[in-house]
């Protein structure tokens, strides 16, 4: 039986706190699993020793890896909204990954249609029959068949859900948890 789930990863970082969460949904957008990292508060010596690379290191090695390890089962596709974690997400999970964003581009021919852009590894995917296509960025070296498989997954999901909406839920959950209200 195929794994029909999507995984959404959000990592929020500032100079004082870095935290992240992952939401796994079914193809209707219903939650299947939710994991979060504990807030990471870097100390001054870590900032000094890692310098400008601390934020990237913390996102990749401390937060992202813990989230991937904590989910009960891998989704068929990881979706993120941060270019810093796109390649590490793919490398650490061994599951297809994509950075998805809204696109101002006019609709493409039909749902499932994929169009390359001038940017390497960036494609427009018409997931829904109407509306703007999604801007999909893939890790370097993505194979054409992986782009087509990702488009098929997103097109299937878009029949029953807004594929970008779970990002809002993850961000709201992280904000709620950060306030300490339970």
C-alpha atoms as a PDB file:
ATOM      1  CA  UNK A   1       0.000   0.000   0.000  1.00  0.00           C
ATOM      2  CA  UNK A   2       1.327   3.428  -0.967  1.00  0.00           C
ATOM      3  CA  UNK A   3       2.149   6.020   1.655  1.00  0.00           C
ATOM      4  CA  UNK A   4      -0.302   8.812   0.837  1.00  0.00           C
ATOM      5  CA  UNK A   5       0.948  11.479   3.207  1.00  0.00           C
ATOM      6  CA  UNK A   6       2.604  14.862   2.867  1.00  0.00           C
ATOM      7  CA  UNK A   7       5.113  16.250   5.332  1.00  0.00           C
ATOM      8  CA  UNK A   8       5.414  19.956   6.077  1.00  0.00           C
ATOM      9  CA  UNK A   9       8.508  21.330   7.814  1.00  0.00           C
ATOM     10  CA  UNK A  10       8.804  24.817   9.244  1.00  0.00           C
ATOM     11  CA  UNK A  11      11.900  26.069  11.038  1.00  0.00           C
ATOM     12  CA  UNK A  12      11.769  29.481  12.635  1.00  0.00           C
ATOM     13  CA  UNK A  13      14.982  31.047  13.750  1.00  0.00           C
ATOM     14  CA  UNK A  14      16.268  34.249  15.208  1.00  0.00           C
ATOM     15  CA  UNK A  15      19.422  35.148  17.038  1.00  0.00           C
ATOM     16  CA  UNK A  16      17.815  34.249  20.359  1.00  0.00           C
ATOM     17  CA  UNK A  17      15.672  31.153  19.620  1.00  0.00           C
ATOM     18  CA  UNK A  18      15.499  28.532  16.898  1.00  0.00           C
ATOM     19  CA  UNK A  19      12.600  26.091  16.809  1.00  0.00           C
ATOM     20  CA  UNK A  20      10.868  23.881  14.311  1.00  0.00           C
ATOM     21  CA  UNK A  21       7.924  21.616  13.709  1.00  0.00           C
ATOM     22  CA  UNK A  22       6.770  19.025  11.212  1.00  0.00           C
ATOM     23  CA  UNK A  23       3.185  18.164  10.349  1.00  0.00           C
ATOM     24  CA  UNK A  24       2.324  15.020   8.432  1.00  0.00           C
ATOM     25  CA  UNK A  25      -1.087  15.114   6.736  1.00  0.00           C
ATOM     26  CA  UNK A  26      -3.106  12.707   4.671  1.00  0.00           C
ATOM     27  CA  UNK A  27      -4.110  13.735   1.153  1.00  0.00           C
ATOM     28  CA  UNK A  28      -7.140  15.589   2.513  1.00  0.00           C
ATOM     29  CA  UNK A  29      -4.989  17.705   4.811  1.00  0.00           C
ATOM     30  CA  UNK A  30      -6.011  15.897   7.997  1.00  0.00           C
ATOM     31  CA  UNK A  31      -3.195  15.638  10.574  1.00  0.00           C
ATOM     32  CA  UNK A  32      -1.548  12.239  10.918  1.00  0.00           C
ATOM     33  CA  UNK A  33       1.497  13.208  12.995  1.00  0.00           C
ATOM     34  CA  UNK A  34       2.925  16.374  14.527  1.00  0.00           C
ATOM     35  CA  UNK A  35       6.361  16.778  16.059  1.00  0.00           C
ATOM     36  CA  UNK A  36       8.235  19.798  17.274  1.00  0.00           C
ATOM     37  CA  UNK A  37      11.649  20.643  18.536  1.00  0.00           C
ATOM     38  CA  UNK A  38      12.318  22.231  21.854  1.00  0.00           C
ATOM     39  CA  UNK A  39      13.341  25.879  21.562  1.00  0.00           C
ATOM     40  CA  UNK A  40      17.083  26.122  21.034  1.00  0.00           C
ATOM     41  CA  UNK A  41      18.688  29.127  22.682  1.00  0.00           C
ATOM     42  CA  UNK A  42      22.257  29.460  21.448  1.00  0.00           C
ATOM     43  CA  UNK A  43      24.812  30.575  23.989  1.00  0.00           C
ATOM     44  CA  UNK A  44      27.374  33.240  23.227  1.00  0.00           C
ATOM     45  CA  UNK A  45      30.285  30.810  22.832  1.00  0.00           C
ATOM     46  CA  UNK A  46      28.397  28.809  20.192  1.00  0.00           C
ATOM     47  CA  UNK A  47      27.679  32.000  18.279  1.00  0.00           C
ATOM     48  CA  UNK A  48      31.346  32.949  18.448  1.00  0.00           C
ATOM     49  CA  UNK A  49      32.673  29.522  17.433  1.00  0.00           C
ATOM     50  CA  UNK A  50      30.194  28.960  14.582  1.00  0.00           C
ATOM     51  CA  UNK A  51      30.113  32.586  13.465  1.00  0.00           C
ATOM     52  CA  UNK A  52      27.816  33.305  10.539  1.00  0.00           C
ATOM     53  CA  UNK A  53      27.231  29.584   9.966  1.00  0.00           C
ATOM     54  CA  UNK A  54      25.502  29.047  13.319  1.00  0.00           C
ATOM     55  CA  UNK A  55      21.964  29.643  12.052  1.00  0.00           C
ATOM     56  CA  UNK A  56      22.374  27.231   9.161  1.00  0.00           C
ATOM     57  CA  UNK A  57      24.064  24.640  11.385  1.00  0.00           C
ATOM     58  CA  UNK A  58      21.320  24.883  14.012  1.00  0.00           C
ATOM     59  CA  UNK A  59      18.539  24.579  11.433  1.00  0.00           C
ATOM     60  CA  UNK A  60      20.116  21.577   9.694  1.00  0.00           C
ATOM     61  CA  UNK A  61      21.865  19.603  12.379  1.00  0.00           C
ATOM     62  CA  UNK A  62      20.022  20.411  15.574  1.00  0.00           C
ATOM     63  CA  UNK A  63      16.420  21.069  14.555  1.00  0.00           C
ATOM     64  CA  UNK A  64      15.774  19.434  11.156  1.00  0.00           C
ATOM     65  CA  UNK A  65      17.475  16.135  11.970  1.00  0.00           C
ATOM     66  CA  UNK A  66      15.575  15.841  15.253  1.00  0.00           C
ATOM     67  CA  UNK A  67      12.249  16.479  13.505  1.00  0.00           C
ATOM     68  CA  UNK A  68      12.923  13.892  10.803  1.00  0.00           C
ATOM     69  CA  UNK A  69      13.947  11.332  13.421  1.00  0.00           C
ATOM     70  CA  UNK A  70      10.850  12.037  15.526  1.00  0.00           C
ATOM     71  CA  UNK A  71       8.114  11.427  12.934  1.00  0.00           C
ATOM     72  CA  UNK A  72       6.461   8.013  13.168  1.00  0.00           C
ATOM     73  CA  UNK A  73       6.768   7.314   9.437  1.00  0.00           C
ATOM     74  CA  UNK A  74       8.178   9.179   6.467  1.00  0.00           C
ATOM     75  CA  UNK A  75       5.716  10.938   4.181  1.00  0.00           C
ATOM     76  CA  UNK A  76       5.865  10.337   0.447  1.00  0.00           C
ATOM     77  CA  UNK A  77       6.904  13.982  -0.017  1.00  0.00           C
ATOM     78  CA  UNK A  78       8.472  16.562   2.290  1.00  0.00           C
ATOM     79  CA  UNK A  79       7.409  20.165   1.638  1.00  0.00           C
ATOM     80  CA  UNK A  80       9.287  23.128   3.096  1.00  0.00           C
ATOM     81  CA  UNK A  81       9.257  26.900   2.695  1.00  0.00           C
ATOM     82  CA  UNK A  82      12.927  27.626   3.447  1.00  0.00           C
ATOM     83  CA  UNK A  83      15.698  27.204   0.874  1.00  0.00           C
ATOM     84  CA  UNK A  84      18.268  26.652   3.660  1.00  0.00           C
ATOM     85  CA  UNK A  85      16.682  23.317   4.576  1.00  0.00           C
ATOM     86  CA  UNK A  86      15.623  22.016   1.133  1.00  0.00           C
ATOM     87  CA  UNK A  87      18.737  19.980   0.336  1.00  0.00           C
ATOM     88  CA  UNK A  88      19.375  18.840   3.937  1.00  0.00           C
ATOM     89  CA  UNK A  89      15.739  17.726   4.102  1.00  0.00           C
ATOM     90  CA  UNK A  90      16.237  15.534   1.034  1.00  0.00           C
ATOM     91  CA  UNK A  91      19.629  14.230   2.163  1.00  0.00           C
ATOM     92  CA  UNK A  92      18.586  13.400   5.729  1.00  0.00           C
ATOM     93  CA  UNK A  93      15.226  11.847   4.981  1.00  0.00           C
ATOM     94  CA  UNK A  94      15.803   9.977   1.707  1.00  0.00           C
ATOM     95  CA  UNK A  95      12.326  11.136   0.667  1.00  0.00           C
ATOM     96  CA  UNK A  96      11.580  13.535  -2.176  1.00  0.00           C
ATOM     97  CA  UNK A  97      11.538  17.140  -1.002  1.00  0.00           C
ATOM     98  CA  UNK A  98      10.362  20.382  -2.519  1.00  0.00           C
ATOM     99  CA  UNK A  99      10.177  24.021  -1.528  1.00  0.00           C
ATOM    100  CA  UNK A 100       6.693  25.275  -2.432  1.00  0.00           C
ATOM    101  CA  UNK A 101       5.495  28.835  -2.743  1.00  0.00           C
ATOM    102  CA  UNK A 102       2.669  30.702  -4.367  1.00  0.00           C
ATOM    103  CA  UNK A 103       3.402  31.973  -7.845  1.00  0.00           C
ATOM    104  CA  UNK A 104       2.068  35.099  -9.562  1.00  0.00           C
ATOM    105  CA  UNK A 105       2.337  33.301 -12.920  1.00  0.00           C
ATOM    106  CA  UNK A 106      -0.811  32.906 -15.005  1.00  0.00           C
ATOM    107  CA  UNK A 107      -2.394  29.442 -14.932  1.00  0.00           C
ATOM    108  CA  UNK A 108      -0.787  26.762 -17.062  1.00  0.00           C
ATOM    109  CA  UNK A 109      -2.670  24.540 -19.523  1.00  0.00           C
ATOM    110  CA  UNK A 110      -4.141  21.986 -17.121  1.00  0.00           C
ATOM    111  CA  UNK A 111      -3.787  20.417 -13.682  1.00  0.00           C
ATOM    112  CA  UNK A 112      -0.604  18.377 -13.555  1.00  0.00           C
ATOM    113  CA  UNK A 113       1.182  20.514 -16.149  1.00  0.00           C
ATOM    114  CA  UNK A 114       4.827  21.312 -15.332  1.00  0.00           C
ATOM    115  CA  UNK A 115       6.850  24.126 -16.829  1.00  0.00           C
ATOM    116  CA  UNK A 116      10.549  24.831 -16.303  1.00  0.00           C
ATOM    117  CA  UNK A 117      11.612  28.350 -15.358  1.00  0.00           C
ATOM    118  CA  UNK A 118      14.843  30.202 -16.092  1.00  0.00           C
ATOM    119  CA  UNK A 119      16.079  29.313 -12.591  1.00  0.00           C
ATOM    120  CA  UNK A 120      17.815  25.916 -12.343  1.00  0.00           C
ATOM    121  CA  UNK A 121      15.759  23.405 -10.355  1.00  0.00           C
ATOM    122  CA  UNK A 122      12.688  25.657 -10.265  1.00  0.00           C
ATOM    123  CA  UNK A 123       9.459  24.659 -11.970  1.00  0.00           C
ATOM    124  CA  UNK A 124       5.880  25.844 -12.123  1.00  0.00           C
ATOM    125  CA  UNK A 125       3.365  23.128 -11.255  1.00  0.00           C
ATOM    126  CA  UNK A 126      -0.310  23.574 -11.983  1.00  0.00           C
ATOM    127  CA  UNK A 127      -1.709  21.562  -9.084  1.00  0.00           C
ATOM    128  CA  UNK A 128      -5.308  22.781  -9.379  1.00  0.00           C
ATOM    129  CA  UNK A 129      -7.360  23.170 -12.559  1.00  0.00           C
ATOM    130  CA  UNK A 130      -7.850  26.880 -11.782  1.00  0.00           C
ATOM    131  CA  UNK A 131      -5.674  29.412 -10.062  1.00  0.00           C
ATOM    132  CA  UNK A 132      -2.015  30.196 -10.228  1.00  0.00           C
ATOM    133  CA  UNK A 133       0.565  27.437 -10.446  1.00  0.00           C
ATOM    134  CA  UNK A 134       2.861  26.659  -7.552  1.00  0.00           C
ATOM    135  CA  UNK A 135       6.519  27.638  -7.666  1.00  0.00           C
ATOM    136  CA  UNK A 136       8.415  24.444  -6.877  1.00  0.00           C
ATOM    137  CA  UNK A 137      12.127  24.497  -6.112  1.00  0.00           C
ATOM    138  CA  UNK A 138      13.953  21.177  -6.009  1.00  0.00           C
ATOM    139  CA  UNK A 139      17.367  20.216  -4.632  1.00  0.00           C
ATOM    140  CA  UNK A 140      20.230  20.428  -7.110  1.00  0.00           C
ATOM    141  CA  UNK A 141      20.430  17.517  -9.512  1.00  0.00           C
ATOM    142  CA  UNK A 142      16.725  16.652  -9.405  1.00  0.00           C
ATOM    143  CA  UNK A 143      15.762  14.096 -12.016  1.00  0.00           C
ATOM    144  CA  UNK A 144      12.935  14.910 -14.460  1.00  0.00           C
ATOM    145  CA  UNK A 145      10.978  11.867 -13.272  1.00  0.00           C
ATOM    146  CA  UNK A 146      11.127  13.149  -9.672  1.00  0.00           C
ATOM    147  CA  UNK A 147       9.687  16.488 -10.805  1.00  0.00           C
ATOM    148  CA  UNK A 148       6.863  14.659 -12.621  1.00  0.00           C
ATOM    149  CA  UNK A 149       6.187  12.379  -9.627  1.00  0.00           C
ATOM    150  CA  UNK A 150       6.079  15.405  -7.313  1.00  0.00           C
ATOM    151  CA  UNK A 151       3.677  17.171  -9.682  1.00  0.00           C
ATOM    152  CA  UNK A 152       1.432  14.091  -9.690  1.00  0.00           C
ATOM    153  CA  UNK A 153       1.430  13.934  -5.860  1.00  0.00           C
ATOM    154  CA  UNK A 154       0.628  17.634  -5.546  1.00  0.00           C
ATOM    155  CA  UNK A 155      -2.082  17.450  -8.215  1.00  0.00           C
ATOM    156  CA  UNK A 156      -3.720  14.523  -6.425  1.00  0.00           C
ATOM    157  CA  UNK A 157      -3.589  16.332  -3.081  1.00  0.00           C
ATOM    158  CA  UNK A 158      -4.920  19.579  -4.577  1.00  0.00           C
ATOM    159  CA  UNK A 159      -8.144  17.781  -5.465  1.00  0.00           C
ATOM    160  CA  UNK A 160      -9.061  17.650  -1.764  1.00  0.00           C
ATOM    161  CA  UNK A 161      -6.922  20.289  -0.030  1.00  0.00           C
ATOM    162  CA  UNK A 162      -5.001  23.538  -0.400  1.00  0.00           C
ATOM    163  CA  UNK A 163      -1.453  22.179  -0.449  1.00  0.00           C
ATOM    164  CA  UNK A 164       0.084  25.365   0.990  1.00  0.00           C
ATOM    165  CA  UNK A 165      -2.405  25.813   3.857  1.00  0.00           C
ATOM    166  CA  UNK A 166      -0.747  23.369   6.313  1.00  0.00           C
ATOM    167  CA  UNK A 167       2.176  25.808   6.609  1.00  0.00           C
ATOM    168  CA  UNK A 168      -0.223  28.237   8.292  1.00  0.00           C
ATOM    169  CA  UNK A 169      -1.320  25.580  10.789  1.00  0.00           C
ATOM    170  CA  UNK A 170       2.257  24.648  11.655  1.00  0.00           C
ATOM    171  CA  UNK A 171       3.210  28.284  12.158  1.00  0.00           C
ATOM    172  CA  UNK A 172       0.136  28.910  14.344  1.00  0.00           C
ATOM    173  CA  UNK A 173       0.896  25.792  16.402  1.00  0.00           C
ATOM    174  CA  UNK A 174       4.486  26.930  16.907  1.00  0.00           C
ATOM    175  CA  UNK A 175       3.322  30.382  17.992  1.00  0.00           C
ATOM    176  CA  UNK A 176       0.783  28.859  20.384  1.00  0.00           C
ATOM    177  CA  UNK A 177       3.390  26.562  21.906  1.00  0.00           C
ATOM    178  CA  UNK A 178       5.884  29.418  22.221  1.00  0.00           C
ATOM    179  CA  UNK A 179       3.466  31.468  24.297  1.00  0.00           C
ATOM    180  CA  UNK A 180       3.395  28.740  26.926  1.00  0.00           C
ATOM    181  CA  UNK A 181      -0.383  28.470  26.875  1.00  0.00           C
ATOM    182  CA  UNK A 182      -1.606  24.942  27.052  1.00  0.00           C
END
